[in-house]
Amino acid sequence: MMRAYLYAEGVVVPRRRVRETLNRIDPAAAALRWSQAVARRTYYVPFPNSLWHIDGHMRLIR
């Protein structure tokens, strides 16, 4: 969100630099944001394209 705000103001900053700066300014809030991150699953599939997720756009299939 901060990076988008800076970009809208015409300031181009790398994502890593914004993250480091926010962590330096308020480490407690940064830790809280990271603790609420969604854990991703690790999948094992025998070959590519063998696992698909249905996203609710079944109306597109005819």
N, C-alpha and C. Protein backbone atom coordinates (compact mmCIF):
# COMPACT_ATOMS: atom_id res chain seq x y z
N MET A 1 0.82 -1.17 0.00
CA MET A 1 0.00 0.00 0.00
C MET A 1 0.88 1.25 0.00
N MET A 2 1.91 1.24 0.81
CA MET A 2 2.81 2.38 0.87
C MET A 2 3.52 2.58 -0.46
N ARG A 3 3.92 1.50 -1.08
CA ARG A 3 4.62 1.60 -2.36
C ARG A 3 3.70 2.18 -3.43
N ALA A 4 2.44 1.79 -3.42
CA ALA A 4 1.47 2.33 -4.38
C ALA A 4 1.25 3.82 -4.15
N TYR A 5 1.21 4.21 -2.88
CA TYR A 5 1.05 5.63 -2.56
C TYR A 5 2.24 6.43 -3.07
N LEU A 6 3.44 5.92 -2.80
CA LEU A 6 4.64 6.62 -3.26
C LEU A 6 4.68 6.70 -4.79
N TYR A 7 4.28 5.62 -5.45
CA TYR A 7 4.26 5.60 -6.92
C TYR A 7 3.26 6.63 -7.46
N ALA A 8 2.10 6.75 -6.80
CA ALA A 8 1.10 7.73 -7.22
C ALA A 8 1.62 9.16 -7.05
N GLU A 9 2.50 9.35 -6.07
CA GLU A 9 3.09 10.67 -5.85
C GLU A 9 4.28 10.93 -6.78
N GLY A 10 4.66 9.93 -7.56
CA GLY A 10 5.76 10.09 -8.50
C GLY A 10 7.10 9.65 -7.97
N VAL A 11 7.10 8.96 -6.83
CA VAL A 11 8.34 8.47 -6.22
C VAL A 11 8.45 6.98 -6.51
N VAL A 12 9.48 6.58 -7.23
CA VAL A 12 9.68 5.18 -7.57
C VAL A 12 10.72 4.60 -6.61
N VAL A 13 10.28 3.63 -5.80
CA VAL A 13 11.14 3.02 -4.79
C VAL A 13 11.02 1.50 -4.93
N PRO A 14 12.13 0.77 -4.84
CA PRO A 14 12.05 -0.68 -4.89
C PRO A 14 11.25 -1.25 -3.71
N ARG A 15 10.58 -2.34 -3.95
CA ARG A 15 9.75 -2.99 -2.93
C ARG A 15 10.57 -3.36 -1.69
N ARG A 16 11.78 -3.85 -1.92
CA ARG A 16 12.64 -4.25 -0.80
C ARG A 16 12.96 -3.06 0.10
N ARG A 17 13.21 -1.91 -0.51
CA ARG A 17 13.56 -0.72 0.28
C ARG A 17 12.38 -0.24 1.10
N VAL A 18 11.18 -0.29 0.55
CA VAL A 18 9.98 0.11 1.30
C VAL A 18 9.78 -0.84 2.47
N ARG A 19 9.93 -2.15 2.23
CA ARG A 19 9.77 -3.14 3.30
C ARG A 19 10.79 -2.92 4.42
N GLU A 20 12.05 -2.70 4.06
CA GLU A 20 13.09 -2.47 5.06
C GLU A 20 12.84 -1.19 5.86
N THR A 21 12.39 -0.15 5.18
CA THR A 21 12.12 1.12 5.86
C THR A 21 10.96 1.00 6.82
N LEU A 22 9.88 0.36 6.40
CA LEU A 22 8.74 0.17 7.29
C LEU A 22 9.12 -0.68 8.50
N ASN A 23 9.97 -1.67 8.29
CA ASN A 23 10.42 -2.51 9.39
C ASN A 23 11.31 -1.72 10.34
N ARG A 24 12.12 -0.80 9.82
CA ARG A 24 12.99 0.02 10.65
C ARG A 24 12.19 1.03 11.46
N ILE A 25 11.14 1.61 10.86
CA ILE A 25 10.34 2.63 11.53
C ILE A 25 9.47 2.03 12.62
N ASP A 26 8.77 0.95 12.31
CA ASP A 26 7.83 0.34 13.28
C ASP A 26 7.93 -1.18 13.21
N PRO A 27 8.93 -1.77 13.87
CA PRO A 27 9.11 -3.22 13.77
C PRO A 27 7.95 -4.02 14.36
N ALA A 28 7.27 -3.49 15.37
CA ALA A 28 6.15 -4.22 15.97
C ALA A 28 5.00 -4.37 14.98
N ALA A 29 4.67 -3.30 14.27
CA ALA A 29 3.58 -3.37 13.29
C ALA A 29 3.97 -4.26 12.12
N ALA A 30 5.24 -4.22 11.72
CA ALA A 30 5.69 -5.07 10.62
C ALA A 30 5.60 -6.54 11.03
N ALA A 31 5.98 -6.85 12.26
CA ALA A 31 5.89 -8.23 12.74
C ALA A 31 4.44 -8.68 12.80
N LEU A 32 3.54 -7.79 13.19
CA LEU A 32 2.11 -8.13 13.23
C LEU A 32 1.58 -8.42 11.83
N ARG A 33 1.97 -7.62 10.85
CA ARG A 33 1.53 -7.86 9.48
C ARG A 33 2.04 -9.20 8.96
N TRP A 34 3.29 -9.52 9.25
CA TRP A 34 3.87 -10.78 8.77
C TRP A 34 3.27 -11.98 9.49
N SER A 35 2.84 -11.80 10.73
CA SER A 35 2.25 -12.94 11.46
C SER A 35 0.87 -13.29 10.92
N GLN A 36 0.23 -12.35 10.25
CA GLN A 36 -1.11 -12.60 9.71
C GLN A 36 -1.07 -13.06 8.26
N ALA A 37 0.11 -13.32 7.73
CA ALA A 37 0.24 -13.77 6.35
C ALA A 37 -0.32 -15.19 6.20
N VAL A 38 -0.90 -15.47 5.07
CA VAL A 38 -1.48 -16.78 4.80
C VAL A 38 -0.37 -17.75 4.43
N ALA A 39 -0.33 -18.87 5.11
CA ALA A 39 0.68 -19.89 4.81
C ALA A 39 0.29 -20.62 3.53
N ARG A 40 1.21 -20.74 2.62
CA ARG A 40 0.96 -21.43 1.36
C ARG A 40 1.24 -22.91 1.51
N ARG A 41 0.51 -23.72 0.78
CA ARG A 41 0.72 -25.16 0.82
C ARG A 41 1.83 -25.57 -0.14
N THR A 42 2.47 -26.66 0.18
CA THR A 42 3.45 -27.25 -0.72
C THR A 42 2.80 -28.46 -1.36
N TYR A 43 2.75 -28.47 -2.67
CA TYR A 43 2.11 -29.57 -3.38
C TYR A 43 3.17 -30.45 -4.02
N TYR A 44 2.89 -31.73 -4.04
CA TYR A 44 3.68 -32.65 -4.83
C TYR A 44 2.75 -33.21 -5.88
N VAL A 45 3.09 -33.05 -7.13
CA VAL A 45 2.31 -33.60 -8.22
C VAL A 45 3.25 -34.40 -9.12
N PRO A 46 2.77 -35.47 -9.72
CA PRO A 46 3.65 -36.32 -10.51
C PRO A 46 4.18 -35.65 -11.78
N PHE A 47 3.41 -34.74 -12.36
CA PHE A 47 3.88 -34.05 -13.56
C PHE A 47 3.12 -32.73 -13.69
N PRO A 48 3.63 -31.80 -14.49
CA PRO A 48 2.97 -30.49 -14.63
C PRO A 48 1.53 -30.63 -15.13
N ASN A 49 0.72 -29.71 -14.71
CA ASN A 49 -0.70 -29.63 -15.09
C ASN A 49 -1.53 -30.79 -14.55
N SER A 50 -1.05 -31.50 -13.54
CA SER A 50 -1.85 -32.58 -12.98
C SER A 50 -2.69 -32.12 -11.80
N LEU A 51 -2.54 -30.89 -11.38
CA LEU A 51 -3.32 -30.35 -10.28
C LEU A 51 -3.94 -29.03 -10.72
N TRP A 52 -5.26 -28.95 -10.67
CA TRP A 52 -5.96 -27.74 -11.04
C TRP A 52 -6.92 -27.37 -9.93
N HIS A 53 -7.10 -26.08 -9.70
CA HIS A 53 -8.06 -25.59 -8.72
C HIS A 53 -9.23 -24.97 -9.47
N ILE A 54 -10.43 -25.26 -9.04
CA ILE A 54 -11.62 -24.67 -9.62
C ILE A 54 -11.84 -23.33 -8.94
N ASP A 55 -11.96 -22.26 -9.71
CA ASP A 55 -12.07 -20.93 -9.13
C ASP A 55 -13.48 -20.34 -9.21
N GLY A 56 -14.46 -21.12 -9.59
CA GLY A 56 -15.83 -20.63 -9.59
C GLY A 56 -16.30 -20.09 -10.93
N HIS A 57 -15.48 -20.12 -11.95
CA HIS A 57 -15.88 -19.62 -13.26
C HIS A 57 -16.35 -20.77 -14.15
N MET A 58 -17.21 -21.60 -13.61
CA MET A 58 -17.70 -22.76 -14.35
C MET A 58 -18.60 -22.34 -15.51
N ARG A 59 -19.15 -21.12 -15.46
CA ARG A 59 -20.01 -20.68 -16.56
C ARG A 59 -19.25 -20.53 -17.86
N LEU A 60 -17.93 -20.43 -17.79
CA LEU A 60 -17.13 -20.29 -19.00
C LEU A 60 -16.98 -21.60 -19.75
N ILE A 61 -17.23 -22.72 -19.06
CA ILE A 61 -17.10 -24.04 -19.68
C ILE A 61 -18.44 -24.39 -20.32
N ARG A 62 -18.45 -24.73 -21.60
CA ARG A 62 -19.71 -25.06 -22.27
C ARG A 62 -19.65 -26.44 -22.83
